[in-house]
PDB file of N, CA and C in Angstrom:
ATOM      1  N   MET A   1       0.848  -1.184   0.000  1.00  0.00           N
ATOM      2  CA  MET A   1       0.000   0.000   0.000  1.00  0.00           C
ATOM      3  C   MET A   1       0.895   1.248   0.000  1.00  0.00           C
ATOM      4  N   PRO A   2       0.678   2.149  -0.942  1.00  0.00           N
ATOM      5  CA  PRO A   2       1.538   3.338  -1.001  1.00  0.00           C
ATOM      6  C   PRO A   2       1.255   4.285   0.159  1.00  0.00           C
ATOM      7  N   LEU A   3       2.277   4.964   0.589  1.00  0.00           N
ATOM      8  CA  LEU A   3       2.119   5.928   1.676  1.00  0.00           C
ATOM      9  C   LEU A   3       1.478   7.206   1.157  1.00  0.00           C
ATOM     10  N   MET A   4       0.623   7.795   1.967  1.00  0.00           N
ATOM     11  CA  MET A   4      -0.026   9.047   1.591  1.00  0.00           C
ATOM     12  C   MET A   4       0.448  10.111   2.577  1.00  0.00           C
ATOM     13  N   ASN A   5       1.197  11.065   2.088  1.00  0.00           N
ATOM     14  CA  ASN A   5       1.577  12.164   2.967  1.00  0.00           C
ATOM     15  C   ASN A   5       0.499  13.243   2.907  1.00  0.00           C
ATOM     16  N   GLY A   6       0.694  14.299   3.652  1.00  0.00           N
ATOM     17  CA  GLY A   6      -0.331  15.339   3.752  1.00  0.00           C
ATOM     18  C   GLY A   6      -0.655  16.000   2.428  1.00  0.00           C
ATOM     19  N   ARG A   7       0.372  16.241   1.613  1.00  0.00           N
ATOM     20  CA  ARG A   7       0.148  16.916   0.338  1.00  0.00           C
ATOM     21  C   ARG A   7      -0.683  16.040  -0.599  1.00  0.00           C
ATOM     22  N   LYS A   8      -0.345  14.763  -0.676  1.00  0.00           N
ATOM     23  CA  LYS A   8      -1.098  13.853  -1.541  1.00  0.00           C
ATOM     24  C   LYS A   8      -2.532  13.697  -1.047  1.00  0.00           C
ATOM     25  N   LEU A   9      -2.686  13.658   0.255  1.00  0.00           N
ATOM     26  CA  LEU A   9      -4.023  13.506   0.832  1.00  0.00           C
ATOM     27  C   LEU A   9      -4.890  14.730   0.516  1.00  0.00           C
ATOM     28  N   LEU A  10      -4.332  15.927   0.656  1.00  0.00           N
ATOM     29  CA  LEU A  10      -5.081  17.141   0.322  1.00  0.00           C
ATOM     30  C   LEU A  10      -5.420  17.194  -1.161  1.00  0.00           C
ATOM     31  N   TYR A  11      -4.468  16.797  -1.999  1.00  0.00           N
ATOM     32  CA  TYR A  11      -4.710  16.779  -3.448  1.00  0.00           C
ATOM     33  C   TYR A  11      -5.843  15.811  -3.772  1.00  0.00           C
ATOM     34  N   HIS A  12      -5.845  14.665  -3.109  1.00  0.00           N
ATOM     35  CA  HIS A  12      -6.888  13.661  -3.330  1.00  0.00           C
ATOM     36  C   HIS A  12      -8.270  14.208  -2.956  1.00  0.00           C
ATOM     37  N   PHE A  13      -8.362  14.820  -1.757  1.00  0.00           N
ATOM     38  CA  PHE A  13      -9.663  15.316  -1.311  1.00  0.00           C
ATOM     39  C   PHE A  13     -10.097  16.560  -2.081  1.00  0.00           C
ATOM     40  N   ASP A  14      -9.163  17.361  -2.551  1.00  0.00           N
ATOM     41  CA  ASP A  14      -9.524  18.492  -3.414  1.00  0.00           C
ATOM     42  C   ASP A  14     -10.125  17.985  -4.719  1.00  0.00           C
ATOM     43  N   GLY A  15      -9.578  16.897  -5.248  1.00  0.00           N
ATOM     44  CA  GLY A  15     -10.135  16.307  -6.468  1.00  0.00           C
ATOM     45  C   GLY A  15     -11.537  15.784  -6.250  1.00  0.00           C
ATOM     46  N   ILE A  16     -11.752  15.128  -5.094  1.00  0.00           N
ATOM     47  CA  ILE A  16     -13.094  14.619  -4.776  1.00  0.00           C
ATOM     48  C   ILE A  16     -14.063  15.776  -4.600  1.00  0.00           C
ATOM     49  N   ARG A  17     -13.628  16.811  -3.900  1.00  0.00           N
ATOM     50  CA  ARG A  17     -14.491  17.978  -3.668  1.00  0.00           C
ATOM     51  C   ARG A  17     -14.860  18.638  -4.994  1.00  0.00           C
ATOM     52  N   GLY A  18     -13.903  18.721  -5.911  1.00  0.00           N
ATOM     53  CA  GLY A  18     -14.176  19.304  -7.219  1.00  0.00           C
ATOM     54  C   GLY A  18     -15.177  18.483  -8.015  1.00  0.00           C
ATOM     55  N   LYS A  19     -15.018  17.151  -7.968  1.00  0.00           N
ATOM     56  CA  LYS A  19     -15.965  16.284  -8.680  1.00  0.00           C
ATOM     57  C   LYS A  19     -17.356  16.380  -8.081  1.00  0.00           C
ATOM     58  N   MET A  20     -17.439  16.485  -6.754  1.00  0.00           N
ATOM     59  CA  MET A  20     -18.751  16.596  -6.115  1.00  0.00           C
ATOM     60  C   MET A  20     -19.439  17.901  -6.496  1.00  0.00           C
ATOM     61  N   SER A  21     -18.677  18.985  -6.592  1.00  0.00           N
ATOM     62  CA  SER A  21     -19.302  20.254  -6.988  1.00  0.00           C
ATOM     63  C   SER A  21     -19.755  20.192  -8.446  1.00  0.00           C
ATOM     64  N   GLU A  22     -18.992  19.499  -9.300  1.00  0.00           N
ATOM     65  CA  GLU A  22     -19.424  19.340 -10.690  1.00  0.00           C
ATOM     66  C   GLU A  22     -20.704  18.513 -10.769  1.00  0.00           C
ATOM     67  N   MET A  23     -20.790  17.453  -9.976  1.00  0.00           N
ATOM     68  CA  MET A  23     -22.003  16.625  -9.962  1.00  0.00           C
ATOM     69  C   MET A  23     -23.198  17.430  -9.450  1.00  0.00           C
ATOM     70  N   ARG A  24     -22.971  18.258  -8.435  1.00  0.00           N
ATOM     71  CA  ARG A  24     -24.049  19.080  -7.890  1.00  0.00           C
ATOM     72  C   ARG A  24     -24.567  20.052  -8.949  1.00  0.00           C
ATOM     73  N   GLU A  25     -23.665  20.665  -9.700  1.00  0.00           N
ATOM     74  CA  GLU A  25     -24.072  21.579 -10.769  1.00  0.00           C
ATOM     75  C   GLU A  25     -24.835  20.844 -11.857  1.00  0.00           C
ATOM     76  N   LEU A  26     -24.399  19.624 -12.191  1.00  0.00           N
ATOM     77  CA  LEU A  26     -25.091  18.832 -13.196  1.00  0.00           C
ATOM     78  C   LEU A  26     -26.500  18.486 -12.743  1.00  0.00           C
ATOM     79  N   VAL A  27     -26.651  18.095 -11.486  1.00  0.00           N
ATOM     80  CA  VAL A  27     -27.979  17.759 -10.963  1.00  0.00           C
ATOM     81  C   VAL A  27     -28.878  18.980 -10.958  1.00  0.00           C
ATOM     82  N   GLU A  28     -28.358  20.135 -10.581  1.00  0.00           N
ATOM     83  CA  GLU A  28     -29.159  21.363 -10.602  1.00  0.00           C
ATOM     84  C   GLU A  28     -29.593  21.716 -12.019  1.00  0.00           C
ATOM     85  N   THR A  29     -28.697  21.547 -12.984  1.00  0.00           N
ATOM     86  CA  THR A  29     -29.030  21.835 -14.378  1.00  0.00           C
ATOM     87  C   THR A  29     -30.108  20.898 -14.884  1.00  0.00           C
ATOM     88  N   LEU A  30     -29.977  19.610 -14.579  1.00  0.00           N
ATOM     89  CA  LEU A  30     -30.998  18.644 -14.997  1.00  0.00           C
ATOM     90  C   LEU A  30     -32.330  18.928 -14.324  1.00  0.00           C
ATOM     91  N   ASP A  31     -32.299  19.332 -13.058  1.00  0.00           N
ATOM     92  CA  ASP A  31     -33.528  19.656 -12.343  1.00  0.00           C
ATOM     93  C   ASP A  31     -34.229  20.839 -12.996  1.00  0.00           C
ATOM     94  N   LEU A  32     -33.477  21.878 -13.347  1.00  0.00           N
ATOM     95  CA  LEU A  32     -34.062  23.032 -14.033  1.00  0.00           C
ATOM     96  C   LEU A  32     -34.624  22.642 -15.393  1.00  0.00           C
ATOM     97  N   MET A  33     -33.910  21.755 -16.095  1.00  0.00           N
ATOM     98  CA  MET A  33     -34.358  21.335 -17.418  1.00  0.00           C
ATOM     99  C   MET A  33     -35.686  20.583 -17.324  1.00  0.00           C
ATOM    100  N   PHE A  34     -35.793  19.646 -16.373  1.00  0.00           N
ATOM    101  CA  PHE A  34     -37.032  18.893 -16.249  1.00  0.00           C
ATOM    102  C   PHE A  34     -38.169  19.754 -15.717  1.00  0.00           C
ATOM    103  N   ASP A  35     -37.860  20.738 -14.866  1.00  0.00           N
ATOM    104  CA  ASP A  35     -38.898  21.670 -14.430  1.00  0.00           C
ATOM    105  C   ASP A  35     -39.438  22.465 -15.608  1.00  0.00           C
ATOM    106  N   SER A  36     -38.555  22.894 -16.506  1.00  0.00           N
ATOM    107  CA  SER A  36     -39.024  23.662 -17.657  1.00  0.00           C
ATOM    108  C   SER A  36     -39.831  22.774 -18.604  1.00  0.00           C
ATOM    109  N   PHE A  37     -39.443  21.495 -18.754  1.00  0.00           N
ATOM    110  CA  PHE A  37     -40.251  20.578 -19.560  1.00  0.00           C
ATOM    111  C   PHE A  37     -41.643  20.420 -18.966  1.00  0.00           C
ATOM    112  N   HIS A  38     -41.703  20.310 -17.635  1.00  0.00           N
ATOM    113  CA  HIS A  38     -42.998  20.147 -16.965  1.00  0.00           C
ATOM    114  C   HIS A  38     -43.864  21.398 -17.162  1.00  0.00           C
ATOM    115  N   LYS A  39     -43.258  22.574 -17.041  1.00  0.00           N
ATOM    116  CA  LYS A  39     -44.005  23.822 -17.252  1.00  0.00           C
ATOM    117  C   LYS A  39     -44.482  23.935 -18.687  1.00  0.00           C
ATOM    118  N   MET A  40     -43.618  23.562 -19.635  1.00  0.00           N
ATOM    119  CA  MET A  40     -43.985  23.623 -21.043  1.00  0.00           C
ATOM    120  C   MET A  40     -45.149  22.666 -21.337  1.00  0.00           C
ATOM    121  N   ASN A  41     -45.095  21.474 -20.764  1.00  0.00           N
ATOM    122  CA  ASN A  41     -46.150  20.501 -20.961  1.00  0.00           C
ATOM    123  C   ASN A  41     -47.473  21.011 -20.394  1.00  0.00           C
ATOM    124  N   ARG A  42     -47.420  21.612 -19.211  1.00  0.00           N
ATOM    125  CA  ARG A  42     -48.640  22.127 -18.596  1.00  0.00           C
ATOM    126  C   ARG A  42     -49.216  23.285 -19.421  1.00  0.00           C
ATOM    127  N   ILE A  43     -48.357  24.163 -19.919  1.00  0.00           N
ATOM    128  CA  ILE A  43     -48.816  25.290 -20.737  1.00  0.00           C
ATOM    129  C   ILE A  43     -49.444  24.788 -22.027  1.00  0.00           C
ATOM    130  N   SER A  44     -48.796  23.805 -22.679  1.00  0.00           N
ATOM    131  CA  SER A  44     -49.346  23.305 -23.939  1.00  0.00           C
ATOM    132  C   SER A  44     -50.675  22.602 -23.721  1.00  0.00           C
ATOM    133  N   LYS A  45     -50.826  21.887 -22.612  1.00  0.00           N
ATOM    134  CA  LYS A  45     -52.113  21.246 -22.334  1.00  0.00           C
ATOM    135  C   LYS A  45     -53.194  22.288 -22.102  1.00  0.00           C
ATOM    136  N   ASN A  46     -52.843  23.380 -21.437  1.00  0.00           N
ATOM    137  CA  ASN A  46     -53.829  24.444 -21.215  1.00  0.00           C
ATOM    138  C   ASN A  46     -54.182  25.152 -22.515  1.00  0.00           C
ATOM    139  N   MET A  47     -53.213  25.298 -23.406  1.00  0.00           N
ATOM    140  CA  MET A  47     -53.483  25.981 -24.672  1.00  0.00           C
ATOM    141  C   MET A  47     -54.357  25.138 -25.594  1.00  0.00           C
ATOM    142  N   PHE A  48     -54.047  23.864 -25.723  1.00  0.00           N
ATOM    143  CA  PHE A  48     -54.733  23.021 -26.692  1.00  0.00           C
ATOM    144  C   PHE A  48     -55.908  22.247 -26.106  1.00  0.00           C
ATOM    145  N   GLY A  49     -56.091  22.312 -24.820  1.00  0.00           N
ATOM    146  CA  GLY A  49     -57.171  21.580 -24.198  1.00  0.00           C
ATOM    147  C   GLY A  49     -56.785  20.127 -23.991  1.00  0.00           C
ATOM    148  N   LEU A  50     -57.687  19.394 -23.378  1.00  0.00           N
ATOM    149  CA  LEU A  50     -57.431  17.989 -23.103  1.00  0.00           C
ATOM    150  C   LEU A  50     -57.601  17.156 -24.363  1.00  0.00           C
ATOM    151  N   HIS A  51     -56.887  16.055 -24.409  1.00  0.00           N
ATOM    152  CA  HIS A  51     -57.093  15.116 -25.508  1.00  0.00           C
ATOM    153  C   HIS A  51     -58.441  14.431 -25.333  1.00  0.00           C
ATOM    154  N   ARG A  52     -58.848  13.733 -26.327  1.00  0.00           N
ATOM    155  CA  ARG A  52     -60.161  13.081 -26.300  1.00  0.00           C
ATOM    156  C   ARG A  52     -60.307  12.138 -25.110  1.00  0.00           C
ATOM    157  N   THR A  53     -59.275  11.376 -24.777  1.00  0.00           N
ATOM    158  CA  THR A  53     -59.371  10.458 -23.645  1.00  0.00           C
ATOM    159  C   THR A  53     -59.545  11.217 -22.344  1.00  0.00           C
ATOM    160  N   GLY A  54     -58.866  12.346 -22.197  1.00  0.00           N
ATOM    161  CA  GLY A  54     -59.021  13.160 -20.998  1.00  0.00           C
ATOM    162  C   GLY A  54     -60.416  13.748 -20.887  1.00  0.00           C
ATOM    163  N   GLN A  55     -61.005  14.141 -22.021  1.00  0.00           N
ATOM    164  CA  GLN A  55     -62.361  14.676 -22.013  1.00  0.00           C
ATOM    165  C   GLN A  55     -63.357  13.594 -21.630  1.00  0.00           C
ATOM    166  N   ASP A  56     -63.137  12.366 -22.130  1.00  0.00           N
ATOM    167  CA  ASP A  56     -64.041  11.266 -21.791  1.00  0.00           C
ATOM    168  C   ASP A  56     -64.001  10.961 -20.298  1.00  0.00           C
ATOM    169  N   ARG A  57     -62.826  11.022 -19.707  1.00  0.00           N
ATOM    170  CA  ARG A  57     -62.706  10.761 -18.268  1.00  0.00           C
ATOM    171  C   ARG A  57     -63.426  11.818 -17.455  1.00  0.00           C
ATOM    172  N   LEU A  58     -63.374  13.078 -17.903  1.00  0.00           N
ATOM    173  CA  LEU A  58     -64.055  14.132 -17.172  1.00  0.00           C
ATOM    174  C   LEU A  58     -65.571  14.023 -17.301  1.00  0.00           C
ATOM    175  N   ARG A  59     -66.052  13.546 -18.410  1.00  0.00           N
ATOM    176  CA  ARG A  59     -67.501  13.412 -18.607  1.00  0.00           C
ATOM    177  C   ARG A  59     -68.103  12.340 -17.721  1.00  0.00           C
ATOM    178  N   ARG A  60     -67.320  11.318 -17.405  1.00  0.00           N
ATOM    179  CA  ARG A  60     -67.843  10.208 -16.592  1.00  0.00           C
ATOM    180  C   ARG A  60     -67.968  10.595 -15.184  1.00  0.00           C
TER     181      ARG A  60
END
């Protein structure tokens, strides 16, 4: 097992910390993207009305 001195240990944890911040940014970006898809879907449904199957369910 190789020895880890303080400098190598700090370099290792700085790399992990950097990767974690990149993952956090990626998750935030994906969350914003899916939120905008959900908003777009809701707006389009309101603009065009319900599909025929949705109208049939409401009538029952």
